[in-house]
Each structure stands twice: as structure tokens, then as C-alpha cells.
PDB file of N, CA and C in Angstrom:
ATOM      1  N   MET A   1       9.940 -32.397 -30.411  1.00  0.00           N
ATOM      2  CA  MET A   1      10.139 -33.691 -31.039  1.00  0.00           C
ATOM      3  C   MET A   1       8.788 -34.390 -31.187  1.00  0.00           C
ATOM      4  N   GLU A   2       8.515 -34.855 -32.394  1.00  0.00           N
ATOM      5  CA  GLU A   2       7.296 -35.604 -32.670  1.00  0.00           C
ATOM      6  C   GLU A   2       7.680 -37.031 -33.059  1.00  0.00           C
ATOM      7  N   PRO A   3       7.555 -37.969 -32.128  1.00  0.00           N
ATOM      8  CA  PRO A   3       7.993 -39.341 -32.384  1.00  0.00           C
ATOM      9  C   PRO A   3       7.417 -39.952 -33.654  1.00  0.00           C
ATOM     10  N   ILE A   4       6.150 -39.700 -33.958  1.00  0.00           N
ATOM     11  CA  ILE A   4       5.541 -40.331 -35.139  1.00  0.00           C
ATOM     12  C   ILE A   4       6.245 -39.889 -36.420  1.00  0.00           C
ATOM     13  N   LEU A   5       6.658 -38.614 -36.496  1.00  0.00           N
ATOM     14  CA  LEU A   5       7.397 -38.137 -37.672  1.00  0.00           C
ATOM     15  C   LEU A   5       8.746 -38.831 -37.784  1.00  0.00           C
ATOM     16  N   ILE A   6       9.376 -39.071 -36.650  1.00  0.00           N
ATOM     17  CA  ILE A   6      10.671 -39.755 -36.652  1.00  0.00           C
ATOM     18  C   ILE A   6      10.507 -41.208 -37.082  1.00  0.00           C
ATOM     19  N   TYR A   7       9.504 -41.878 -36.529  1.00  0.00           N
ATOM     20  CA  TYR A   7       9.244 -43.265 -36.939  1.00  0.00           C
ATOM     21  C   TYR A   7       9.023 -43.349 -38.448  1.00  0.00           C
ATOM     22  N   LYS A   8       8.216 -42.455 -38.979  1.00  0.00           N
ATOM     23  CA  LYS A   8       7.937 -42.457 -40.416  1.00  0.00           C
ATOM     24  C   LYS A   8       9.203 -42.186 -41.220  1.00  0.00           C
ATOM     25  N   ALA A   9      10.003 -41.220 -40.768  1.00  0.00           N
ATOM     26  CA  ALA A   9      11.232 -40.881 -41.487  1.00  0.00           C
ATOM     27  C   ALA A   9      12.203 -42.059 -41.507  1.00  0.00           C
ATOM     28  N   LEU A  10      12.241 -42.812 -40.423  1.00  0.00           N
ATOM     29  CA  LEU A  10      13.177 -43.932 -40.326  1.00  0.00           C
ATOM     30  C   LEU A  10      12.607 -45.235 -40.883  1.00  0.00           C
ATOM     31  N   SER A  11      11.408 -45.191 -41.433  1.00  0.00           N
ATOM     32  CA  SER A  11      10.797 -46.409 -41.973  1.00  0.00           C
ATOM     33  C   SER A  11      11.314 -46.754 -43.370  1.00  0.00           C
ATOM     34  N   ASN A  12      12.202 -45.930 -43.896  1.00  0.00           N
ATOM     35  CA  ASN A  12      12.772 -46.146 -45.228  1.00  0.00           C
ATOM     36  C   ASN A  12      14.244 -46.522 -45.092  1.00  0.00           C
ATOM     37  N   GLU A  13      14.652 -47.591 -45.748  1.00  0.00           N
ATOM     38  CA  GLU A  13      16.024 -48.090 -45.611  1.00  0.00           C
ATOM     39  C   GLU A  13      17.069 -47.061 -46.038  1.00  0.00           C
ATOM     40  N   THR A  14      16.827 -46.368 -47.134  1.00  0.00           N
ATOM     41  CA  THR A  14      17.804 -45.378 -47.606  1.00  0.00           C
ATOM     42  C   THR A  14      17.916 -44.211 -46.633  1.00  0.00           C
ATOM     43  N   ARG A  15      16.810 -43.773 -46.083  1.00  0.00           N
ATOM     44  CA  ARG A  15      16.873 -42.683 -45.101  1.00  0.00           C
ATOM     45  C   ARG A  15      17.659 -43.128 -43.865  1.00  0.00           C
ATOM     46  N   CYS A  16      17.496 -44.373 -43.458  1.00  0.00           N
ATOM     47  CA  CYS A  16      18.291 -44.897 -42.340  1.00  0.00           C
ATOM     48  C   CYS A  16      19.775 -44.945 -42.710  1.00  0.00           C
ATOM     49  N   GLN A  17      20.067 -45.334 -43.948  1.00  0.00           N
ATOM     50  CA  GLN A  17      21.467 -45.344 -44.403  1.00  0.00           C
ATOM     51  C   GLN A  17      22.049 -43.940 -44.362  1.00  0.00           C
ATOM     52  N   ILE A  18      21.294 -42.958 -44.799  1.00  0.00           N
ATOM     53  CA  ILE A  18      21.766 -41.575 -44.772  1.00  0.00           C
ATOM     54  C   ILE A  18      22.110 -41.175 -43.341  1.00  0.00           C
ATOM     55  N   MET A  19      21.267 -41.523 -42.399  1.00  0.00           N
ATOM     56  CA  MET A  19      21.550 -41.202 -40.995  1.00  0.00           C
ATOM     57  C   MET A  19      22.839 -41.880 -40.540  1.00  0.00           C
ATOM     58  N   ASP A  20      23.053 -43.107 -40.971  1.00  0.00           N
ATOM     59  CA  ASP A  20      24.287 -43.827 -40.640  1.00  0.00           C
ATOM     60  C   ASP A  20      25.499 -43.155 -41.281  1.00  0.00           C
ATOM     61  N   TRP A  21      25.382 -42.810 -42.558  1.00  0.00           N
ATOM     62  CA  TRP A  21      26.499 -42.149 -43.248  1.00  0.00           C
ATOM     63  C   TRP A  21      26.872 -40.849 -42.561  1.00  0.00           C
ATOM     64  N   LEU A  22      25.868 -40.106 -42.110  1.00  0.00           N
ATOM     65  CA  LEU A  22      26.135 -38.814 -41.482  1.00  0.00           C
ATOM     66  C   LEU A  22      26.625 -38.941 -40.041  1.00  0.00           C
ATOM     67  N   LYS A  23      26.429 -40.118 -39.456  1.00  0.00           N
ATOM     68  CA  LYS A  23      26.946 -40.344 -38.100  1.00  0.00           C
ATOM     69  C   LYS A  23      28.467 -40.360 -38.104  1.00  0.00           C
ATOM     70  N   ASN A  24      29.036 -40.997 -39.108  1.00  0.00           N
ATOM     71  CA  ASN A  24      30.489 -41.085 -39.257  1.00  0.00           C
ATOM     72  C   ASN A  24      30.867 -40.745 -40.693  1.00  0.00           C
ATOM     73  N   PRO A  25      30.750 -39.478 -41.073  1.00  0.00           N
ATOM     74  CA  PRO A  25      30.987 -39.111 -42.475  1.00  0.00           C
ATOM     75  C   PRO A  25      32.391 -39.425 -42.972  1.00  0.00           C
ATOM     76  N   GLU A  26      33.354 -39.437 -42.067  1.00  0.00           N
ATOM     77  CA  GLU A  26      34.732 -39.733 -42.475  1.00  0.00           C
ATOM     78  C   GLU A  26      34.887 -41.153 -43.019  1.00  0.00           C
ATOM     79  N   HIS A  27      33.960 -42.039 -42.690  1.00  0.00           N
ATOM     80  CA  HIS A  27      33.990 -43.411 -43.201  1.00  0.00           C
ATOM     81  C   HIS A  27      33.305 -43.550 -44.562  1.00  0.00           C
ATOM     82  N   HIS A  28      32.549 -42.528 -44.959  1.00  0.00           N
ATOM     83  CA  HIS A  28      31.719 -42.650 -46.151  1.00  0.00           C
ATOM     84  C   HIS A  28      31.965 -41.592 -47.227  1.00  0.00           C
ATOM     85  N   PHE A  29      32.647 -40.510 -46.850  1.00  0.00           N
ATOM     86  CA  PHE A  29      32.857 -39.405 -47.788  1.00  0.00           C
ATOM     87  C   PHE A  29      34.302 -38.917 -47.716  1.00  0.00           C
ATOM     88  N   GLU A  30      34.737 -38.252 -48.765  1.00  0.00           N
ATOM     89  CA  GLU A  30      36.103 -37.722 -48.858  1.00  0.00           C
ATOM     90  C   GLU A  30      36.122 -36.293 -48.315  1.00  0.00           C
ATOM     91  N   GLU A  31      36.834 -36.083 -47.208  1.00  0.00           N
ATOM     92  CA  GLU A  31      36.830 -34.763 -46.569  1.00  0.00           C
ATOM     93  C   GLU A  31      37.755 -33.754 -47.258  1.00  0.00           C
ATOM     94  N   LYS A  32      38.734 -34.228 -48.028  1.00  0.00           N
ATOM     95  CA  LYS A  32      39.712 -33.313 -48.622  1.00  0.00           C
ATOM     96  C   LYS A  32      39.060 -32.207 -49.440  1.00  0.00           C
ATOM     97  N   LYS A  33      38.100 -32.551 -50.270  1.00  0.00           N
ATOM     98  CA  LYS A  33      37.479 -31.514 -51.100  1.00  0.00           C
ATOM     99  C   LYS A  33      36.719 -30.494 -50.256  1.00  0.00           C
ATOM    100  N   TYR A  34      36.204 -30.924 -49.125  1.00  0.00           N
ATOM    101  CA  TYR A  34      35.537 -29.995 -48.211  1.00  0.00           C
ATOM    102  C   TYR A  34      36.563 -29.026 -47.634  1.00  0.00           C
ATOM    103  N   LEU A  35      37.677 -29.582 -47.189  1.00  0.00           N
ATOM    104  CA  LEU A  35      38.736 -28.749 -46.625  1.00  0.00           C
ATOM    105  C   LEU A  35      39.286 -27.784 -47.668  1.00  0.00           C
ATOM    106  N   ASP A  36      39.352 -28.223 -48.928  1.00  0.00           N
ATOM    107  CA  ASP A  36      39.811 -27.344 -50.018  1.00  0.00           C
ATOM    108  C   ASP A  36      38.899 -26.127 -50.176  1.00  0.00           C
ATOM    109  N   TYR A  37      37.605 -26.278 -49.814  1.00  0.00           N
ATOM    110  CA  TYR A  37      36.647 -25.173 -49.888  1.00  0.00           C
ATOM    111  C   TYR A  37      36.553 -24.406 -48.561  1.00  0.00           C
ATOM    112  N   GLY A  38      37.391 -24.791 -47.607  1.00  0.00           N
ATOM    113  CA  GLY A  38      37.410 -24.092 -46.329  1.00  0.00           C
ATOM    114  C   GLY A  38      36.318 -24.501 -45.368  1.00  0.00           C
ATOM    115  N   ILE A  39      35.739 -25.674 -45.573  1.00  0.00           N
ATOM    116  CA  ILE A  39      34.727 -26.186 -44.649  1.00  0.00           C
ATOM    117  C   ILE A  39      35.118 -27.595 -44.221  1.00  0.00           C
ATOM    118  N   SER A  40      34.425 -28.112 -43.231  1.00  0.00           N
ATOM    119  CA  SER A  40      34.708 -29.466 -42.758  1.00  0.00           C
ATOM    120  C   SER A  40      33.401 -30.240 -42.659  1.00  0.00           C
ATOM    121  N   PHE A  41      33.510 -31.480 -42.265  1.00  0.00           N
ATOM    122  CA  PHE A  41      32.325 -32.305 -42.082  1.00  0.00           C
ATOM    123  C   PHE A  41      31.434 -31.751 -40.968  1.00  0.00           C
ATOM    124  N   ARG A  42      31.969 -30.892 -40.107  1.00  0.00           N
ATOM    125  CA  ARG A  42      31.156 -30.289 -39.048  1.00  0.00           C
ATOM    126  C   ARG A  42      30.046 -29.420 -39.655  1.00  0.00           C
ATOM    127  N   THR A  43      30.312 -28.862 -40.841  1.00  0.00           N
ATOM    128  CA  THR A  43      29.297 -28.084 -41.543  1.00  0.00           C
ATOM    129  C   THR A  43      28.181 -29.005 -42.015  1.00  0.00           C
ATOM    130  N   GLY A  44      28.555 -30.187 -42.473  1.00  0.00           N
ATOM    131  CA  GLY A  44      27.610 -31.165 -42.989  1.00  0.00           C
ATOM    132  C   GLY A  44      28.145 -31.782 -44.266  1.00  0.00           C
ATOM    133  N   ILE A  45      27.324 -32.589 -44.892  1.00  0.00           N
ATOM    134  CA  ILE A  45      27.683 -33.265 -46.133  1.00  0.00           C
ATOM    135  C   ILE A  45      26.797 -32.706 -47.236  1.00  0.00           C
ATOM    136  N   CYS A  46      27.415 -32.421 -48.365  1.00  0.00           N
ATOM    137  CA  CYS A  46      26.722 -31.836 -49.509  1.00  0.00           C
ATOM    138  C   CYS A  46      25.693 -32.821 -50.079  1.00  0.00           C
ATOM    139  N   VAL A  47      24.555 -32.286 -50.473  1.00  0.00           N
ATOM    140  CA  VAL A  47      23.489 -33.101 -51.067  1.00  0.00           C
ATOM    141  C   VAL A  47      24.036 -33.920 -52.235  1.00  0.00           C
ATOM    142  N   ALA A  48      24.883 -33.308 -53.060  1.00  0.00           N
ATOM    143  CA  ALA A  48      25.419 -34.009 -54.234  1.00  0.00           C
ATOM    144  C   ALA A  48      26.221 -35.243 -53.835  1.00  0.00           C
ATOM    145  N   ASP A  49      26.971 -35.173 -52.735  1.00  0.00           N
ATOM    146  CA  ASP A  49      27.742 -36.332 -52.291  1.00  0.00           C
ATOM    147  C   ASP A  49      26.841 -37.435 -51.744  1.00  0.00           C
ATOM    148  N   ILE A  50      25.795 -37.039 -51.033  1.00  0.00           N
ATOM    149  CA  ILE A  50      24.833 -38.025 -50.524  1.00  0.00           C
ATOM    150  C   ILE A  50      24.126 -38.703 -51.693  1.00  0.00           C
ATOM    151  N   GLN A  51      23.739 -37.910 -52.673  1.00  0.00           N
ATOM    152  CA  GLN A  51      23.064 -38.441 -53.856  1.00  0.00           C
ATOM    153  C   GLN A  51      23.972 -39.416 -54.597  1.00  0.00           C
ATOM    154  N   LYS A  52      25.231 -39.036 -54.783  1.00  0.00           N
ATOM    155  CA  LYS A  52      26.183 -39.900 -55.500  1.00  0.00           C
ATOM    156  C   LYS A  52      26.365 -41.232 -54.770  1.00  0.00           C
ATOM    157  N   LYS A  53      26.521 -41.179 -53.453  1.00  0.00           N
ATOM    158  CA  LYS A  53      26.719 -42.405 -52.678  1.00  0.00           C
ATOM    159  C   LYS A  53      25.490 -43.309 -52.744  1.00  0.00           C
ATOM    160  N   SER A  54      24.310 -42.700 -52.745  1.00  0.00           N
ATOM    161  CA  SER A  54      23.081 -43.498 -52.747  1.00  0.00           C
ATOM    162  C   SER A  54      22.796 -44.132 -54.102  1.00  0.00           C
ATOM    163  N   GLY A  55      23.226 -43.457 -55.176  1.00  0.00           N
ATOM    164  CA  GLY A  55      22.923 -43.937 -56.519  1.00  0.00           C
ATOM    165  C   GLY A  55      21.501 -43.623 -56.971  1.00  0.00           C
ATOM    166  N   LEU A  56      20.778 -42.867 -56.175  1.00  0.00           N
ATOM    167  CA  LEU A  56      19.405 -42.497 -56.509  1.00  0.00           C
ATOM    168  C   LEU A  56      19.373 -41.114 -57.149  1.00  0.00           C
ATOM    169  N   ALA A  57      18.256 -40.778 -57.737  1.00  0.00           N
ATOM    170  CA  ALA A  57      18.099 -39.475 -58.380  1.00  0.00           C
ATOM    171  C   ALA A  57      18.188 -38.354 -57.348  1.00  0.00           C
ATOM    172  N   GLN A  58      18.677 -37.215 -57.789  1.00  0.00           N
ATOM    173  CA  GLN A  58      18.834 -36.058 -56.907  1.00  0.00           C
ATOM    174  C   GLN A  58      17.495 -35.657 -56.291  1.00  0.00           C
ATOM    175  N   SER A  59      16.427 -35.713 -57.065  1.00  0.00           N
ATOM    176  CA  SER A  59      15.109 -35.328 -56.547  1.00  0.00           C
ATOM    177  C   SER A  59      14.656 -36.261 -55.427  1.00  0.00           C
ATOM    178  N   VAL A  60      14.957 -37.545 -55.552  1.00  0.00           N
ATOM    179  CA  VAL A  60      14.584 -38.522 -54.520  1.00  0.00           C
ATOM    180  C   VAL A  60      15.366 -38.230 -53.237  1.00  0.00           C
ATOM    181  N   ILE A  61      16.665 -38.019 -53.371  1.00  0.00           N
ATOM    182  CA  ILE A  61      17.497 -37.749 -52.196  1.00  0.00           C
ATOM    183  C   ILE A  61      17.080 -36.440 -51.538  1.00  0.00           C
ATOM    184  N   SER A  62      16.808 -35.425 -52.327  1.00  0.00           N
ATOM    185  CA  SER A  62      16.356 -34.152 -51.754  1.00  0.00           C
ATOM    186  C   SER A  62      15.086 -34.345 -50.948  1.00  0.00           C
ATOM    187  N   ASN A  63      14.165 -35.159 -51.466  1.00  0.00           N
ATOM    188  CA  ASN A  63      12.927 -35.454 -50.750  1.00  0.00           C
ATOM    189  C   ASN A  63      13.214 -36.205 -49.453  1.00  0.00           C
ATOM    190  N   TYR A  64      14.119 -37.185 -49.518  1.00  0.00           N
ATOM    191  CA  TYR A  64      14.475 -37.948 -48.323  1.00  0.00           C
ATOM    192  C   TYR A  64      15.100 -37.038 -47.262  1.00  0.00           C
ATOM    193  N   LEU A  65      15.992 -36.151 -47.689  1.00  0.00           N
ATOM    194  CA  LEU A  65      16.644 -35.246 -46.749  1.00  0.00           C
ATOM    195  C   LEU A  65      15.626 -34.298 -46.119  1.00  0.00           C
ATOM    196  N   LEU A  66      14.694 -33.833 -46.899  1.00  0.00           N
ATOM    197  CA  LEU A  66      13.651 -32.954 -46.385  1.00  0.00           C
ATOM    198  C   LEU A  66      12.779 -33.687 -45.366  1.00  0.00           C
ATOM    199  N   THR A  67      12.463 -34.940 -45.640  1.00  0.00           N
ATOM    200  CA  THR A  67      11.681 -35.750 -44.700  1.00  0.00           C
ATOM    201  C   THR A  67      12.411 -35.890 -43.378  1.00  0.00           C
ATOM    202  N   LEU A  68      13.710 -36.189 -43.444  1.00  0.00           N
ATOM    203  CA  LEU A  68      14.513 -36.323 -42.226  1.00  0.00           C
ATOM    204  C   LEU A  68      14.630 -34.993 -41.488  1.00  0.00           C
ATOM    205  N   GLN A  69      14.732 -33.913 -42.236  1.00  0.00           N
ATOM    206  CA  GLN A  69      14.821 -32.597 -41.611  1.00  0.00           C
ATOM    207  C   GLN A  69      13.497 -32.215 -40.945  1.00  0.00           C
ATOM    208  N   ARG A  70      12.393 -32.461 -41.607  1.00  0.00           N
ATOM    209  CA  ARG A  70      11.075 -32.151 -41.026  1.00  0.00           C
ATOM    210  C   ARG A  70      10.818 -32.945 -39.748  1.00  0.00           C
ATOM    211  N   ALA A  71      11.389 -34.145 -39.680  1.00  0.00           N
ATOM    212  CA  ALA A  71      11.266 -34.972 -38.476  1.00  0.00           C
ATOM    213  C   ALA A  71      12.196 -34.485 -37.364  1.00  0.00           C
ATOM    214  N   GLY A  72      13.081 -33.554 -37.701  1.00  0.00           N
ATOM    215  CA  GLY A  72      14.004 -33.008 -36.716  1.00  0.00           C
ATOM    216  C   GLY A  72      15.318 -33.754 -36.613  1.00  0.00           C
ATOM    217  N   LEU A  73      15.499 -34.764 -37.467  1.00  0.00           N
ATOM    218  CA  LEU A  73      16.706 -35.586 -37.387  1.00  0.00           C
ATOM    219  C   LEU A  73      17.918 -34.963 -38.069  1.00  0.00           C
ATOM    220  N   LEU A  74      17.692 -34.024 -38.983  1.00  0.00           N
ATOM    221  CA  LEU A  74      18.786 -33.364 -39.703  1.00  0.00           C
ATOM    222  C   LEU A  74      18.670 -31.860 -39.582  1.00  0.00           C
ATOM    223  N   GLU A  75      19.823 -31.222 -39.683  1.00  0.00           N
ATOM    224  CA  GLU A  75      19.922 -29.771 -39.788  1.00  0.00           C
ATOM    225  C   GLU A  75      20.582 -29.478 -41.122  1.00  0.00           C
ATOM    226  N   SER A  76      20.246 -28.346 -41.720  1.00  0.00           N
ATOM    227  CA  SER A  76      20.873 -27.983 -42.985  1.00  0.00           C
ATOM    228  C   SER A  76      21.525 -26.621 -42.871  1.00  0.00           C
ATOM    229  N   LYS A  77      22.527 -26.423 -43.716  1.00  0.00           N
ATOM    230  CA  LYS A  77      23.215 -25.139 -43.786  1.00  0.00           C
ATOM    231  C   LYS A  77      23.520 -24.854 -45.245  1.00  0.00           C
ATOM    232  N   ARG A  78      23.176 -23.674 -45.653  1.00  0.00           N
ATOM    233  CA  ARG A  78      23.432 -23.248 -47.031  1.00  0.00           C
ATOM    234  C   ARG A  78      24.766 -22.504 -47.056  1.00  0.00           C
ATOM    235  N   VAL A  79      25.659 -22.937 -47.947  1.00  0.00           N
ATOM    236  CA  VAL A  79      26.945 -22.276 -48.147  1.00  0.00           C
ATOM    237  C   VAL A  79      27.054 -22.020 -49.644  1.00  0.00           C
ATOM    238  N   GLY A  80      26.925 -20.749 -50.030  1.00  0.00           N
ATOM    239  CA  GLY A  80      26.905 -20.429 -51.451  1.00  0.00           C
ATOM    240  C   GLY A  80      25.691 -21.071 -52.096  1.00  0.00           C
ATOM    241  N   LYS A  81      25.926 -21.809 -53.166  1.00  0.00           N
ATOM    242  CA  LYS A  81      24.814 -22.469 -53.847  1.00  0.00           C
ATOM    243  C   LYS A  81      24.584 -23.902 -53.373  1.00  0.00           C
ATOM    244  N   TRP A  82      25.362 -24.347 -52.397  1.00  0.00           N
ATOM    245  CA  TRP A  82      25.287 -25.726 -51.922  1.00  0.00           C
ATOM    246  C   TRP A  82      24.588 -25.809 -50.568  1.00  0.00           C
ATOM    247  N   THR A  83      23.894 -26.915 -50.357  1.00  0.00           N
ATOM    248  CA  THR A  83      23.265 -27.185 -49.069  1.00  0.00           C
ATOM    249  C   THR A  83      23.938 -28.397 -48.447  1.00  0.00           C
ATOM    250  N   TYR A  84      24.267 -28.268 -47.176  1.00  0.00           N
ATOM    251  CA  TYR A  84      24.951 -29.318 -46.424  1.00  0.00           C
ATOM    252  C   TYR A  84      24.047 -29.785 -45.291  1.00  0.00           C
ATOM    253  N   TYR A  85      24.054 -31.089 -45.055  1.00  0.00           N
ATOM    254  CA  TYR A  85      23.229 -31.678 -44.013  1.00  0.00           C
ATOM    255  C   TYR A  85      24.086 -32.380 -42.980  1.00  0.00           C
ATOM    256  N   ARG A  86      23.659 -32.255 -41.732  1.00  0.00           N
ATOM    257  CA  ARG A  86      24.294 -32.985 -40.629  1.00  0.00           C
ATOM    258  C   ARG A  86      23.191 -33.437 -39.679  1.00  0.00           C
ATOM    259  N   ARG A  87      23.537 -34.403 -38.856  1.00  0.00           N
ATOM    260  CA  ARG A  87      22.577 -34.944 -37.897  1.00  0.00           C
ATOM    261  C   ARG A  87      22.262 -33.928 -36.801  1.00  0.00           C
ATOM    262  N   ASN A  88      21.040 -33.944 -36.324  1.00  0.00           N
ATOM    263  CA  ASN A  88      20.641 -33.135 -35.178  1.00  0.00           C
ATOM    264  C   ASN A  88      20.730 -34.056 -33.960  1.00  0.00           C
ATOM    265  N   GLU A  89      21.875 -34.040 -33.327  1.00  0.00           N
ATOM    266  CA  GLU A  89      22.137 -34.985 -32.232  1.00  0.00           C
ATOM    267  C   GLU A  89      21.220 -34.759 -31.037  1.00  0.00           C
ATOM    268  N   GLN A  90      20.760 -33.541 -30.826  1.00  0.00           N
ATOM    269  CA  GLN A  90      19.854 -33.261 -29.708  1.00  0.00           C
ATOM    270  C   GLN A  90      18.523 -33.996 -29.898  1.00  0.00           C
ATOM    271  N   THR A  91      17.966 -33.918 -31.086  1.00  0.00           N
ATOM    272  CA  THR A  91      16.708 -34.624 -31.354  1.00  0.00           C
ATOM    273  C   THR A  91      16.905 -36.132 -31.269  1.00  0.00           C
ATOM    274  N   ILE A  92      18.019 -36.622 -31.774  1.00  0.00           N
ATOM    275  CA  ILE A  92      18.308 -38.062 -31.710  1.00  0.00           C
ATOM    276  C   ILE A  92      18.387 -38.523 -30.257  1.00  0.00           C
ATOM    277  N   LYS A  93      19.027 -37.714 -29.423  1.00  0.00           N
ATOM    278  CA  LYS A  93      19.136 -38.034 -27.993  1.00  0.00           C
ATOM    279  C   LYS A  93      17.753 -38.046 -27.347  1.00  0.00           C
ATOM    280  N   GLU A  94      16.935 -37.031 -27.639  1.00  0.00           N
ATOM    281  CA  GLU A  94      15.581 -36.965 -27.080  1.00  0.00           C
ATOM    282  C   GLU A  94      14.745 -38.157 -27.526  1.00  0.00           C
ATOM    283  N   PHE A  95      14.882 -38.551 -28.789  1.00  0.00           N
ATOM    284  CA  PHE A  95      14.116 -39.691 -29.298  1.00  0.00           C
ATOM    285  C   PHE A  95      14.575 -40.981 -28.622  1.00  0.00           C
ATOM    286  N   SER A  96      15.868 -41.116 -28.434  1.00  0.00           N
ATOM    287  CA  SER A  96      16.404 -42.291 -27.742  1.00  0.00           C
ATOM    288  C   SER A  96      15.858 -42.375 -26.316  1.00  0.00           C
ATOM    289  N   GLU A  97      15.817 -41.254 -25.634  1.00  0.00           N
ATOM    290  CA  GLU A  97      15.271 -41.225 -24.272  1.00  0.00           C
ATOM    291  C   GLU A  97      13.785 -41.532 -24.276  1.00  0.00           C
ATOM    292  N   TYR A  98      13.072 -41.022 -25.278  1.00  0.00           N
ATOM    293  CA  TYR A  98      11.646 -41.299 -25.411  1.00  0.00           C
ATOM    294  C   TYR A  98      11.426 -42.812 -25.540  1.00  0.00           C
ATOM    295  N   ILE A  99      12.178 -43.443 -26.426  1.00  0.00           N
ATOM    296  CA  ILE A  99      12.035 -44.896 -26.620  1.00  0.00           C
ATOM    297  C   ILE A  99      12.339 -45.640 -25.338  1.00  0.00           C
ATOM    298  N   GLN A 100      13.408 -45.231 -24.685  1.00  0.00           N
ATOM    299  CA  GLN A 100      13.814 -45.898 -23.450  1.00  0.00           C
ATOM    300  C   GLN A 100      12.746 -45.774 -22.351  1.00  0.00           C
ATOM    301  N   ASN A 101      12.122 -44.623 -22.257  1.00  0.00           N
ATOM    302  CA  ASN A 101      11.168 -44.372 -21.172  1.00  0.00           C
ATOM    303  C   ASN A 101       9.725 -44.724 -21.501  1.00  0.00           C
ATOM    304  N   GLU A 102       9.354 -44.674 -22.775  1.00  0.00           N
ATOM    305  CA  GLU A 102       7.956 -44.837 -23.145  1.00  0.00           C
ATOM    306  C   GLU A 102       7.605 -46.189 -23.750  1.00  0.00           C
ATOM    307  N   LEU A 103       8.568 -46.863 -24.315  1.00  0.00           N
ATOM    308  CA  LEU A 103       8.260 -48.161 -24.948  1.00  0.00           C
ATOM    309  C   LEU A 103       8.699 -49.315 -24.072  1.00  0.00           C
TER     310      LEU A 103
END
């Protein structure tokens, strides 16, 4: 875990919103279509759904997701031609402990 990368990743409001959306995806996305494809929110949320919710261009969202992933805050999984993202709870826990103990 590199705290400075996490701080930088979370310095953008939309990236923070994405982290919030992925914390409780059932409040922000429709799970039925995922279940229809034989997957669940445990796999992650499709880039296209995150992009649609944000209202930003796909390229911008892809960049934001990559930034969060490089910081260790997200994990990705490729299923067919789609990429799904979910939170990396272990890194989030470590960062929380870092803040609690170091700041």
C-alpha cells in the first residue's frame, strides 16, 4: 500500500463517488441484468454502468478506474469482452489503519 497514491486517487470527487457506488452497488445499479448473465455484484460493476451513472465520457471513467486500481483501491475482472470493478477491501482496511495510526 502506497498512501500517497491513495490520497491522489481520492482527491477527485468523481473517483470518490465511484468508491461510494461500489461500496453498496445494490443502491446504485440494477443487479437483475448481471444475474441474467450469470454473475453478481460480487464479480464487480461493469465499466459501462459506472460510465452511464457518472455521465462522463467512457475514456474519462476508464482513466479514473485505472487510477483507483493503480492505487490499490479497486480490483478488476475480465469476463468475456467486459471488465468489472470492485473495491479492494483489504487495501481500504490497511489505509484506514494507516490513517488511524500515523496521522
